[in-house]
Amino acid sequence: DADPFMLHLYAALSEKERELISTRTKAALQVLKAKGVL
């Protein structure tokens, strides 16, 4: 019974989560770089 407004809201949250995943991945790469990993 989820209505269109709820679906749009969760779509926006999902898009934001994708951005956060990308941010965390970049942060993890920086950790590896700091450890001397090529």
PDB file of all heavy atoms in Angstrom:
ATOM      1  N   ASP A   1       0.804  -1.224   0.000  1.00  0.00           N
ATOM      2  CA  ASP A   1       0.000   0.000   0.000  1.00  0.00           C
ATOM      3  C   ASP A   1       0.840   1.279   0.000  1.00  0.00           C
ATOM      4  O   ASP A   1       0.303   2.367   0.224  1.00  0.00           O
ATOM      5  CB  ASP A   1      -0.933   0.009   1.217  1.00  0.00           C
ATOM      6  CG  ASP A   1      -1.938  -1.135   1.182  1.00  0.00           C
ATOM      7  OD1 ASP A   1      -2.427  -1.436   0.081  1.00  0.00           O
ATOM      8  OD2 ASP A   1      -2.209  -1.724   2.243  1.00  0.00           O
ATOM      9  N   ALA A   2       2.127   1.148  -0.240  1.00  0.00           N
ATOM     10  CA  ALA A   2       2.993   2.339  -0.280  1.00  0.00           C
ATOM     11  C   ALA A   2       2.544   3.256  -1.419  1.00  0.00           C
ATOM     12  O   ALA A   2       2.370   2.820  -2.554  1.00  0.00           O
ATOM     13  CB  ALA A   2       4.447   1.925  -0.486  1.00  0.00           C
ATOM     14  N   ASP A   3       2.342   4.527  -1.097  1.00  0.00           N
ATOM     15  CA  ASP A   3       1.853   5.464  -2.114  1.00  0.00           C
ATOM     16  C   ASP A   3       3.018   6.092  -2.883  1.00  0.00           C
ATOM     17  O   ASP A   3       4.180   5.948  -2.511  1.00  0.00           O
ATOM     18  CB  ASP A   3       0.969   6.542  -1.479  1.00  0.00           C
ATOM     19  CG  ASP A   3       1.691   7.349  -0.399  1.00  0.00           C
ATOM     20  OD1 ASP A   3       2.920   7.503  -0.495  1.00  0.00           O
ATOM     21  OD2 ASP A   3       1.028   7.812   0.537  1.00  0.00           O
ATOM     22  N   PRO A   4       2.724   6.787  -3.990  1.00  0.00           N
ATOM     23  CA  PRO A   4       3.780   7.396  -4.812  1.00  0.00           C
ATOM     24  C   PRO A   4       4.689   8.342  -4.030  1.00  0.00           C
ATOM     25  O   PRO A   4       5.898   8.393  -4.281  1.00  0.00           O
ATOM     26  CB  PRO A   4       2.993   8.149  -5.885  1.00  0.00           C
ATOM     27  CG  PRO A   4       1.726   7.367  -6.024  1.00  0.00           C
ATOM     28  CD  PRO A   4       1.401   6.930  -4.637  1.00  0.00           C
ATOM     29  N   PHE A   5       4.123   9.083  -3.079  1.00  0.00           N
ATOM     30  CA  PHE A   5       4.948  10.000  -2.292  1.00  0.00           C
ATOM     31  C   PHE A   5       6.002   9.230  -1.502  1.00  0.00           C
ATOM     32  O   PHE A   5       7.180   9.617  -1.461  1.00  0.00           O
ATOM     33  CB  PHE A   5       4.075  10.807  -1.328  1.00  0.00           C
ATOM     34  CG  PHE A   5       4.875  11.665  -0.369  1.00  0.00           C
ATOM     35  CD1 PHE A   5       5.444  12.853  -0.792  1.00  0.00           C
ATOM     36  CD2 PHE A   5       5.074  11.264   0.950  1.00  0.00           C
ATOM     37  CE1 PHE A   5       6.201  13.631   0.074  1.00  0.00           C
ATOM     38  CE2 PHE A   5       5.821  12.034   1.820  1.00  0.00           C
ATOM     39  CZ  PHE A   5       6.386  13.219   1.388  1.00  0.00           C
ATOM     40  N   MET A   6       5.583   8.120  -0.878  1.00  0.00           N
ATOM     41  CA  MET A   6       6.533   7.316  -0.103  1.00  0.00           C
ATOM     42  C   MET A   6       7.607   6.727  -1.006  1.00  0.00           C
ATOM     43  O   MET A   6       8.794   6.714  -0.657  1.00  0.00           O
ATOM     44  CB  MET A   6       5.800   6.187   0.625  1.00  0.00           C
ATOM     45  CG  MET A   6       6.728   5.316   1.487  1.00  0.00           C
ATOM     46  SD  MET A   6       5.867   3.964   2.327  1.00  0.00           S
ATOM     47  CE  MET A   6       4.876   4.910   3.498  1.00  0.00           C
ATOM     48  N   LEU A   7       7.211   6.265  -2.194  1.00  0.00           N
ATOM     49  CA  LEU A   7       8.177   5.685  -3.120  1.00  0.00           C
ATOM     50  C   LEU A   7       9.190   6.735  -3.578  1.00  0.00           C
ATOM     51  O   LEU A   7      10.387   6.453  -3.681  1.00  0.00           O
ATOM     52  CB  LEU A   7       7.454   5.084  -4.325  1.00  0.00           C
ATOM     53  CG  LEU A   7       6.604   3.840  -4.029  1.00  0.00           C
ATOM     54  CD1 LEU A   7       5.796   3.443  -5.263  1.00  0.00           C
ATOM     55  CD2 LEU A   7       7.489   2.671  -3.587  1.00  0.00           C
ATOM     56  N   HIS A   8       8.715   7.953  -3.852  1.00  0.00           N
ATOM     57  CA  HIS A   8       9.630   9.034  -4.240  1.00  0.00           C
ATOM     58  C   HIS A   8      10.587   9.357  -3.093  1.00  0.00           C
ATOM     59  O   HIS A   8      11.783   9.600  -3.312  1.00  0.00           O
ATOM     60  CB  HIS A   8       8.838  10.290  -4.627  1.00  0.00           C
ATOM     61  CG  HIS A   8       8.401  10.311  -6.059  1.00  0.00           C
ATOM     62  ND1 HIS A   8       7.107  10.095  -6.446  1.00  0.00           N
ATOM     63  CD2 HIS A   8       9.103  10.509  -7.206  1.00  0.00           C
ATOM     64  CE1 HIS A   8       7.008  10.165  -7.754  1.00  0.00           C
ATOM     65  NE2 HIS A   8       8.205  10.415  -8.242  1.00  0.00           N
ATOM     66  N   LEU A   9      10.054   9.353  -1.882  1.00  0.00           N
ATOM     67  CA  LEU A   9      10.878   9.659  -0.714  1.00  0.00           C
ATOM     68  C   LEU A   9      11.974   8.623  -0.542  1.00  0.00           C
ATOM     69  O   LEU A   9      13.155   8.968  -0.353  1.00  0.00           O
ATOM     70  CB  LEU A   9       9.997   9.718   0.544  1.00  0.00           C
ATOM     71  CG  LEU A   9      10.720   9.958   1.875  1.00  0.00           C
ATOM     72  CD1 LEU A   9      11.438  11.299   1.851  1.00  0.00           C
ATOM     73  CD2 LEU A   9       9.732   9.915   3.030  1.00  0.00           C
ATOM     74  N   TYR A  10      11.618   7.361  -0.646  1.00  0.00           N
ATOM     75  CA  TYR A  10      12.614   6.305  -0.485  1.00  0.00           C
ATOM     76  C   TYR A  10      13.590   6.264  -1.654  1.00  0.00           C
ATOM     77  O   TYR A  10      14.752   5.876  -1.488  1.00  0.00           O
ATOM     78  CB  TYR A  10      11.933   4.949  -0.294  1.00  0.00           C
ATOM     79  CG  TYR A  10      11.600   4.669   1.144  1.00  0.00           C
ATOM     80  CD1 TYR A  10      10.439   5.165   1.720  1.00  0.00           C
ATOM     81  CD2 TYR A  10      12.459   3.927   1.952  1.00  0.00           C
ATOM     82  CE1 TYR A  10      10.130   4.930   3.053  1.00  0.00           C
ATOM     83  CE2 TYR A  10      12.168   3.686   3.286  1.00  0.00           C
ATOM     84  CZ  TYR A  10      11.002   4.185   3.826  1.00  0.00           C
ATOM     85  OH  TYR A  10      10.712   3.955   5.148  1.00  0.00           O
ATOM     86  N   ALA A  11      13.121   6.658  -2.831  1.00  0.00           N
ATOM     87  CA  ALA A  11      14.032   6.743  -3.974  1.00  0.00           C
ATOM     88  C   ALA A  11      15.101   7.796  -3.711  1.00  0.00           C
ATOM     89  O   ALA A  11      16.291   7.598  -4.010  1.00  0.00           O
ATOM     90  CB  ALA A  11      13.258   7.080  -5.249  1.00  0.00           C
ATOM     91  N   ALA A  12      14.679   8.932  -3.135  1.00  0.00           N
ATOM     92  CA  ALA A  12      15.624   9.998  -2.798  1.00  0.00           C
ATOM     93  C   ALA A  12      16.615   9.517  -1.740  1.00  0.00           C
ATOM     94  O   ALA A  12      17.822   9.798  -1.823  1.00  0.00           O
ATOM     95  CB  ALA A  12      14.880  11.232  -2.305  1.00  0.00           C
ATOM     96  N   LEU A  13      16.111   8.782  -0.742  1.00  0.00           N
ATOM     97  CA  LEU A  13      16.989   8.241   0.304  1.00  0.00           C
ATOM     98  C   LEU A  13      17.967   7.232  -0.278  1.00  0.00           C
ATOM     99  O   LEU A  13      19.139   7.183   0.108  1.00  0.00           O
ATOM    100  CB  LEU A  13      16.145   7.587   1.406  1.00  0.00           C
ATOM    101  CG  LEU A  13      15.302   8.543   2.264  1.00  0.00           C
ATOM    102  CD1 LEU A  13      14.395   7.746   3.195  1.00  0.00           C
ATOM    103  CD2 LEU A  13      16.202   9.463   3.073  1.00  0.00           C
ATOM    104  N   SER A  14      17.488   6.415  -1.213  1.00  0.00           N
ATOM    105  CA  SER A  14      18.341   5.419  -1.846  1.00  0.00           C
ATOM    106  C   SER A  14      19.444   6.075  -2.661  1.00  0.00           C
ATOM    107  O   SER A  14      20.597   5.633  -2.669  1.00  0.00           O
ATOM    108  CB  SER A  14      17.495   4.500  -2.733  1.00  0.00           C
ATOM    109  OG  SER A  14      18.275   3.456  -3.271  1.00  0.00           O
ATOM    110  N   GLU A  15      19.085   7.162  -3.365  1.00  0.00           N
ATOM    111  CA  GLU A  15      20.076   7.887  -4.149  1.00  0.00           C
ATOM    112  C   GLU A  15      21.139   8.492  -3.227  1.00  0.00           C
ATOM    113  O   GLU A  15      22.336   8.472  -3.530  1.00  0.00           O
ATOM    114  CB  GLU A  15      19.394   8.983  -4.961  1.00  0.00           C
ATOM    115  CG  GLU A  15      20.331   9.717  -5.912  1.00  0.00           C
ATOM    116  CD  GLU A  15      19.585  10.667  -6.833  1.00  0.00           C
ATOM    117  OE1 GLU A  15      18.963  10.195  -7.795  1.00  0.00           O
ATOM    118  OE2 GLU A  15      19.610  11.888  -6.576  1.00  0.00           O
ATOM    119  N   LYS A  16      20.684   9.010  -2.096  1.00  0.00           N
ATOM    120  CA  LYS A  16      21.617   9.570  -1.123  1.00  0.00           C
ATOM    121  C   LYS A  16      22.520   8.487  -0.560  1.00  0.00           C
ATOM    122  O   LYS A  16      23.725   8.701  -0.369  1.00  0.00           O
ATOM    123  CB  LYS A  16      20.836  10.246   0.017  1.00  0.00           C
ATOM    124  CG  LYS A  16      21.726  10.907   1.061  1.00  0.00           C
ATOM    125  CD  LYS A  16      22.570  12.035   0.473  1.00  0.00           C
ATOM    126  CE  LYS A  16      23.401  12.726   1.524  1.00  0.00           C
ATOM    127  NZ  LYS A  16      24.250  13.792   0.967  1.00  0.00           N
ATOM    128  N   GLU A  17      21.953   7.303  -0.326  1.00  0.00           N
ATOM    129  CA  GLU A  17      22.757   6.205   0.202  1.00  0.00           C
ATOM    130  C   GLU A  17      23.848   5.810  -0.788  1.00  0.00           C
ATOM    131  O   GLU A  17      24.968   5.509  -0.399  1.00  0.00           O
ATOM    132  CB  GLU A  17      21.866   4.994   0.494  1.00  0.00           C
ATOM    133  CG  GLU A  17      22.637   3.821   1.101  1.00  0.00           C
ATOM    134  CD  GLU A  17      21.743   2.639   1.399  1.00  0.00           C
ATOM    135  OE1 GLU A  17      20.778   2.423   0.644  1.00  0.00           O
ATOM    136  OE2 GLU A  17      22.002   1.927   2.373  1.00  0.00           O
ATOM    137  N   ARG A  18      23.519   5.842  -2.085  1.00  0.00           N
ATOM    138  CA  ARG A  18      24.520   5.529  -3.093  1.00  0.00           C
ATOM    139  C   ARG A  18      25.678   6.515  -3.022  1.00  0.00           C
ATOM    140  O   ARG A  18      26.848   6.148  -3.141  1.00  0.00           O
ATOM    141  CB  ARG A  18      23.892   5.569  -4.494  1.00  0.00           C
ATOM    142  CG  ARG A  18      24.844   5.106  -5.605  1.00  0.00           C
ATOM    143  CD  ARG A  18      24.276   5.405  -6.970  1.00  0.00           C
ATOM    144  NE  ARG A  18      24.248   6.840  -7.217  1.00  0.00           N
ATOM    145  CZ  ARG A  18      23.465   7.424  -8.112  1.00  0.00           C
ATOM    146  NH1 ARG A  18      22.602   6.721  -8.807  1.00  0.00           N
ATOM    147  NH2 ARG A  18      23.524   8.734  -8.299  1.00  0.00           N
ATOM    148  N   GLU A  19      25.339   7.787  -2.814  1.00  0.00           N
ATOM    149  CA  GLU A  19      26.380   8.811  -2.684  1.00  0.00           C
ATOM    150  C   GLU A  19      27.240   8.550  -1.445  1.00  0.00           C
ATOM    151  O   GLU A  19      28.465   8.732  -1.481  1.00  0.00           O
ATOM    152  CB  GLU A  19      25.743  10.191  -2.598  1.00  0.00           C
ATOM    153  CG  GLU A  19      25.008  10.611  -3.871  1.00  0.00           C
ATOM    154  CD  GLU A  19      24.245  11.916  -3.690  1.00  0.00           C
ATOM    155  OE1 GLU A  19      24.308  12.481  -2.566  1.00  0.00           O
ATOM    156  OE2 GLU A  19      23.600  12.369  -4.644  1.00  0.00           O
ATOM    157  N   LEU A  20      26.596   8.112  -0.357  1.00  0.00           N
ATOM    158  CA  LEU A  20      27.342   7.827   0.866  1.00  0.00           C
ATOM    159  C   LEU A  20      28.255   6.622   0.685  1.00  0.00           C
ATOM    160  O   LEU A  20      29.371   6.594   1.213  1.00  0.00           O
ATOM    161  CB  LEU A  20      26.365   7.578   2.026  1.00  0.00           C
ATOM    162  CG  LEU A  20      25.556   8.793   2.489  1.00  0.00           C
ATOM    163  CD1 LEU A  20      24.535   8.378   3.537  1.00  0.00           C
ATOM    164  CD2 LEU A  20      26.484   9.870   3.046  1.00  0.00           C
ATOM    165  N   ILE A  21      27.770   5.614  -0.046  1.00  0.00           N
ATOM    166  CA  ILE A  21      28.607   4.440  -0.326  1.00  0.00           C
ATOM    167  C   ILE A  21      29.845   4.862  -1.101  1.00  0.00           C
ATOM    168  O   ILE A  21      30.963   4.417  -0.819  1.00  0.00           O
ATOM    169  CB  ILE A  21      27.809   3.386  -1.119  1.00  0.00           C
ATOM    170  CG1 ILE A  21      26.741   2.753  -0.226  1.00  0.00           C
ATOM    171  CG2 ILE A  21      28.738   2.299  -1.662  1.00  0.00           C
ATOM    172  CD1 ILE A  21      25.794   1.825  -0.965  1.00  0.00           C
ATOM    173  N   SER A  22      29.639   5.742  -2.085  1.00  0.00           N
ATOM    174  CA  SER A  22      30.769   6.243  -2.865  1.00  0.00           C
ATOM    175  C   SER A  22      31.747   6.994  -1.976  1.00  0.00           C
ATOM    176  O   SER A  22      32.974   6.838  -2.092  1.00  0.00           O
ATOM    177  CB  SER A  22      30.260   7.166  -3.976  1.00  0.00           C
ATOM    178  OG  SER A  22      31.338   7.746  -4.688  1.00  0.00           O
ATOM    179  N   THR A  23      31.206   7.795  -1.053  1.00  0.00           N
ATOM    180  CA  THR A  23      32.057   8.557  -0.131  1.00  0.00           C
ATOM    181  C   THR A  23      32.863   7.625   0.768  1.00  0.00           C
ATOM    182  O   THR A  23      34.054   7.842   0.993  1.00  0.00           O
ATOM    183  CB  THR A  23      31.197   9.489   0.743  1.00  0.00           C
ATOM    184  OG1 THR A  23      30.503  10.420  -0.114  1.00  0.00           O
ATOM    185  CG2 THR A  23      32.064  10.276   1.726  1.00  0.00           C
ATOM    186  N   ARG A  24      32.185   6.585   1.288  1.00  0.00           N
ATOM    187  CA  ARG A  24      32.882   5.628   2.161  1.00  0.00           C
ATOM    188  C   ARG A  24      33.962   4.875   1.398  1.00  0.00           C
ATOM    189  O   ARG A  24      35.036   4.578   1.938  1.00  0.00           O
ATOM    190  CB  ARG A  24      31.872   4.648   2.775  1.00  0.00           C
ATOM    191  CG  ARG A  24      30.976   5.264   3.842  1.00  0.00           C
ATOM    192  CD  ARG A  24      30.305   4.190   4.676  1.00  0.00           C
ATOM    193  NE  ARG A  24      29.428   3.344   3.892  1.00  0.00           N
ATOM    194  CZ  ARG A  24      28.121   3.545   3.753  1.00  0.00           C
ATOM    195  NH1 ARG A  24      27.557   4.596   4.336  1.00  0.00           N
ATOM    196  NH2 ARG A  24      27.383   2.726   3.042  1.00  0.00           N
ATOM    197  N   THR A  25      33.671   4.547   0.122  1.00  0.00           N
ATOM    198  CA  THR A  25      34.664   3.842  -0.690  1.00  0.00           C
ATOM    199  C   THR A  25      35.900   4.709  -0.897  1.00  0.00           C
ATOM    200  O   THR A  25      37.043   4.244  -0.782  1.00  0.00           O
ATOM    201  CB  THR A  25      34.069   3.449  -2.054  1.00  0.00           C
ATOM    202  OG1 THR A  25      32.953   2.569  -1.850  1.00  0.00           O
ATOM    203  CG2 THR A  25      35.105   2.742  -2.922  1.00  0.00           C
ATOM    204  N   LYS A  26      35.674   5.999  -1.185  1.00  0.00           N
ATOM    205  CA  LYS A  26      36.796   6.922  -1.372  1.00  0.00           C
ATOM    206  C   LYS A  26      37.591   7.071  -0.078  1.00  0.00           C
ATOM    207  O   LYS A  26      38.824   7.134  -0.096  1.00  0.00           O
ATOM    208  CB  LYS A  26      36.277   8.289  -1.831  1.00  0.00           C
ATOM    209  CG  LYS A  26      35.725   8.285  -3.249  1.00  0.00           C
ATOM    210  CD  LYS A  26      35.153   9.642  -3.625  1.00  0.00           C
ATOM    211  CE  LYS A  26      34.587   9.629  -5.042  1.00  0.00           C
ATOM    212  NZ  LYS A  26      33.970  10.927  -5.419  1.00  0.00           N
ATOM    213  N   ALA A  27      36.881   7.110   1.054  1.00  0.00           N
ATOM    214  CA  ALA A  27      37.564   7.222   2.344  1.00  0.00           C
ATOM    215  C   ALA A  27      38.394   5.984   2.614  1.00  0.00           C
ATOM    216  O   ALA A  27      39.527   6.067   3.121  1.00  0.00           O
ATOM    217  CB  ALA A  27      36.533   7.417   3.456  1.00  0.00           C
ATOM    218  N   ALA A  28      37.841   4.813   2.251  1.00  0.00           N
ATOM    219  CA  ALA A  28      38.577   3.561   2.448  1.00  0.00           C
ATOM    220  C   ALA A  28      39.824   3.519   1.567  1.00  0.00           C
ATOM    221  O   ALA A  28      40.882   3.020   1.981  1.00  0.00           O
ATOM    222  CB  ALA A  28      37.663   2.377   2.130  1.00  0.00           C
ATOM    223  N   LEU A  29      39.717   4.068   0.342  1.00  0.00           N
ATOM    224  CA  LEU A  29      40.884   4.142  -0.539  1.00  0.00           C
ATOM    225  C   LEU A  29      41.975   5.022   0.069  1.00  0.00           C
ATOM    226  O   LEU A  29      43.173   4.723  -0.048  1.00  0.00           O
ATOM    227  CB  LEU A  29      40.469   4.680  -1.912  1.00  0.00           C
ATOM    228  CG  LEU A  29      39.767   3.696  -2.849  1.00  0.00           C
ATOM    229  CD1 LEU A  29      39.209   4.425  -4.065  1.00  0.00           C
ATOM    230  CD2 LEU A  29      40.719   2.589  -3.285  1.00  0.00           C
ATOM    231  N   GLN A  30      41.560   6.101   0.709  1.00  0.00           N
ATOM    232  CA  GLN A  30      42.528   6.981   1.364  1.00  0.00           C
ATOM    233  C   GLN A  30      43.224   6.271   2.519  1.00  0.00           C
ATOM    234  O   GLN A  30      44.415   6.476   2.771  1.00  0.00           O
ATOM    235  CB  GLN A  30      41.823   8.245   1.868  1.00  0.00           C
ATOM    236  CG  GLN A  30      41.363   9.181   0.757  1.00  0.00           C
ATOM    237  CD  GLN A  30      42.514   9.631  -0.125  1.00  0.00           C
ATOM    238  OE1 GLN A  30      43.571  10.034   0.355  1.00  0.00           O
ATOM    239  NE2 GLN A  30      42.308   9.551  -1.443  1.00  0.00           N
ATOM    240  N   VAL A  31      42.474   5.409   3.227  1.00  0.00           N
ATOM    241  CA  VAL A  31      43.079   4.617   4.310  1.00  0.00           C
ATOM    242  C   VAL A  31      44.132   3.691   3.742  1.00  0.00           C
ATOM    243  O   VAL A  31      45.236   3.564   4.284  1.00  0.00           O
ATOM    244  CB  VAL A  31      41.986   3.806   5.052  1.00  0.00           C
ATOM    245  CG1 VAL A  31      42.638   2.809   6.018  1.00  0.00           C
ATOM    246  CG2 VAL A  31      41.061   4.736   5.816  1.00  0.00           C
ATOM    247  N   LEU A  32      43.791   3.033   2.622  1.00  0.00           N
ATOM    248  CA  LEU A  32      44.753   2.126   1.991  1.00  0.00           C
ATOM    249  C   LEU A  32      45.982   2.898   1.499  1.00  0.00           C
ATOM    250  O   LEU A  32      47.121   2.433   1.627  1.00  0.00           O
ATOM    251  CB  LEU A  32      44.096   1.396   0.810  1.00  0.00           C
ATOM    252  CG  LEU A  32      42.986   0.399   1.160  1.00  0.00           C
ATOM    253  CD1 LEU A  32      42.354  -0.146  -0.117  1.00  0.00           C
ATOM    254  CD2 LEU A  32      43.541  -0.750   1.995  1.00  0.00           C
ATOM    255  N   LYS A  33      45.744   4.088   0.940  1.00  0.00           N
ATOM    256  CA  LYS A  33      46.853   4.908   0.445  1.00  0.00           C
ATOM    257  C   LYS A  33      47.770   5.310   1.583  1.00  0.00           C
ATOM    258  O   LYS A  33      49.008   5.302   1.440  1.00  0.00           O
ATOM    259  CB  LYS A  33      46.291   6.151  -0.253  1.00  0.00           C
ATOM    260  CG  LYS A  33      47.355   7.041  -0.880  1.00  0.00           C
ATOM    261  CD  LYS A  33      46.713   8.218  -1.617  1.00  0.00           C
ATOM    262  CE  LYS A  33      47.781   9.101  -2.256  1.00  0.00           C
ATOM    263  NZ  LYS A  33      47.159  10.254  -2.976  1.00  0.00           N
ATOM    264  N   ALA A  34      47.170   5.665   2.732  1.00  0.00           N
ATOM    265  CA  ALA A  34      47.966   6.058   3.898  1.00  0.00           C
ATOM    266  C   ALA A  34      48.819   4.900   4.406  1.00  0.00           C
ATOM    267  O   ALA A  34      49.872   5.109   5.017  1.00  0.00           O
ATOM    268  CB  ALA A  34      47.040   6.555   5.013  1.00  0.00           C
ATOM    269  N   LYS A  35      48.369   3.664   4.132  1.00  0.00           N
ATOM    270  CA  LYS A  35      49.120   2.480   4.560  1.00  0.00           C
ATOM    271  C   LYS A  35      50.196   2.099   3.547  1.00  0.00           C
ATOM    272  O   LYS A  35      50.892   1.102   3.724  1.00  0.00           O
ATOM    273  CB  LYS A  35      48.164   1.300   4.759  1.00  0.00           C
ATOM    274  CG  LYS A  35      47.227   1.466   5.963  1.00  0.00           C
ATOM    275  CD  LYS A  35      46.330   0.238   6.115  1.00  0.00           C
ATOM    276  CE  LYS A  35      45.434   0.377   7.339  1.00  0.00           C
ATOM    277  NZ  LYS A  35      44.548  -0.808   7.504  1.00  0.00           N
ATOM    278  N   GLY A  36      50.275   2.895   2.467  1.00  0.00           N
ATOM    279  CA  GLY A  36      51.305   2.632   1.478  1.00  0.00           C
ATOM    280  C   GLY A  36      50.885   1.701   0.364  1.00  0.00           C
ATOM    281  O   GLY A  36      51.718   1.261  -0.435  1.00  0.00           O
ATOM    282  N   VAL A  37      49.587   1.377   0.295  1.00  0.00           N
ATOM    283  CA  VAL A  37      49.098   0.498  -0.766  1.00  0.00           C
ATOM    284  C   VAL A  37      49.007   1.278  -2.064  1.00  0.00           C
ATOM    285  O   VAL A  37      48.495   2.398  -2.093  1.00  0.00           O
ATOM    286  CB  VAL A  37      47.702  -0.078  -0.403  1.00  0.00           C
ATOM    287  CG1 VAL A  37      47.161  -0.918  -1.555  1.00  0.00           C
ATOM    288  CG2 VAL A  37      47.794  -0.896   0.871  1.00  0.00           C
ATOM    289  N   LEU A  38      49.508   0.696  -3.147  1.00  0.00           N
ATOM    290  CA  LEU A  38      49.477   1.348  -4.442  1.00  0.00           C
ATOM    291  C   LEU A  38      48.062   1.296  -4.994  1.00  0.00           C
ATOM    292  O   LEU A  38      47.499   0.226  -5.190  1.00  0.00           O
ATOM    293  CB  LEU A  38      50.442   0.660  -5.419  1.00  0.00           C
ATOM    294  CG  LEU A  38      50.522   1.263  -6.822  1.00  0.00           C
ATOM    295  CD1 LEU A  38      51.048   2.689  -6.747  1.00  0.00           C
ATOM    296  CD2 LEU A  38      51.416   0.403  -7.717  1.00  0.00           C
TER     297      LEU A  38
END
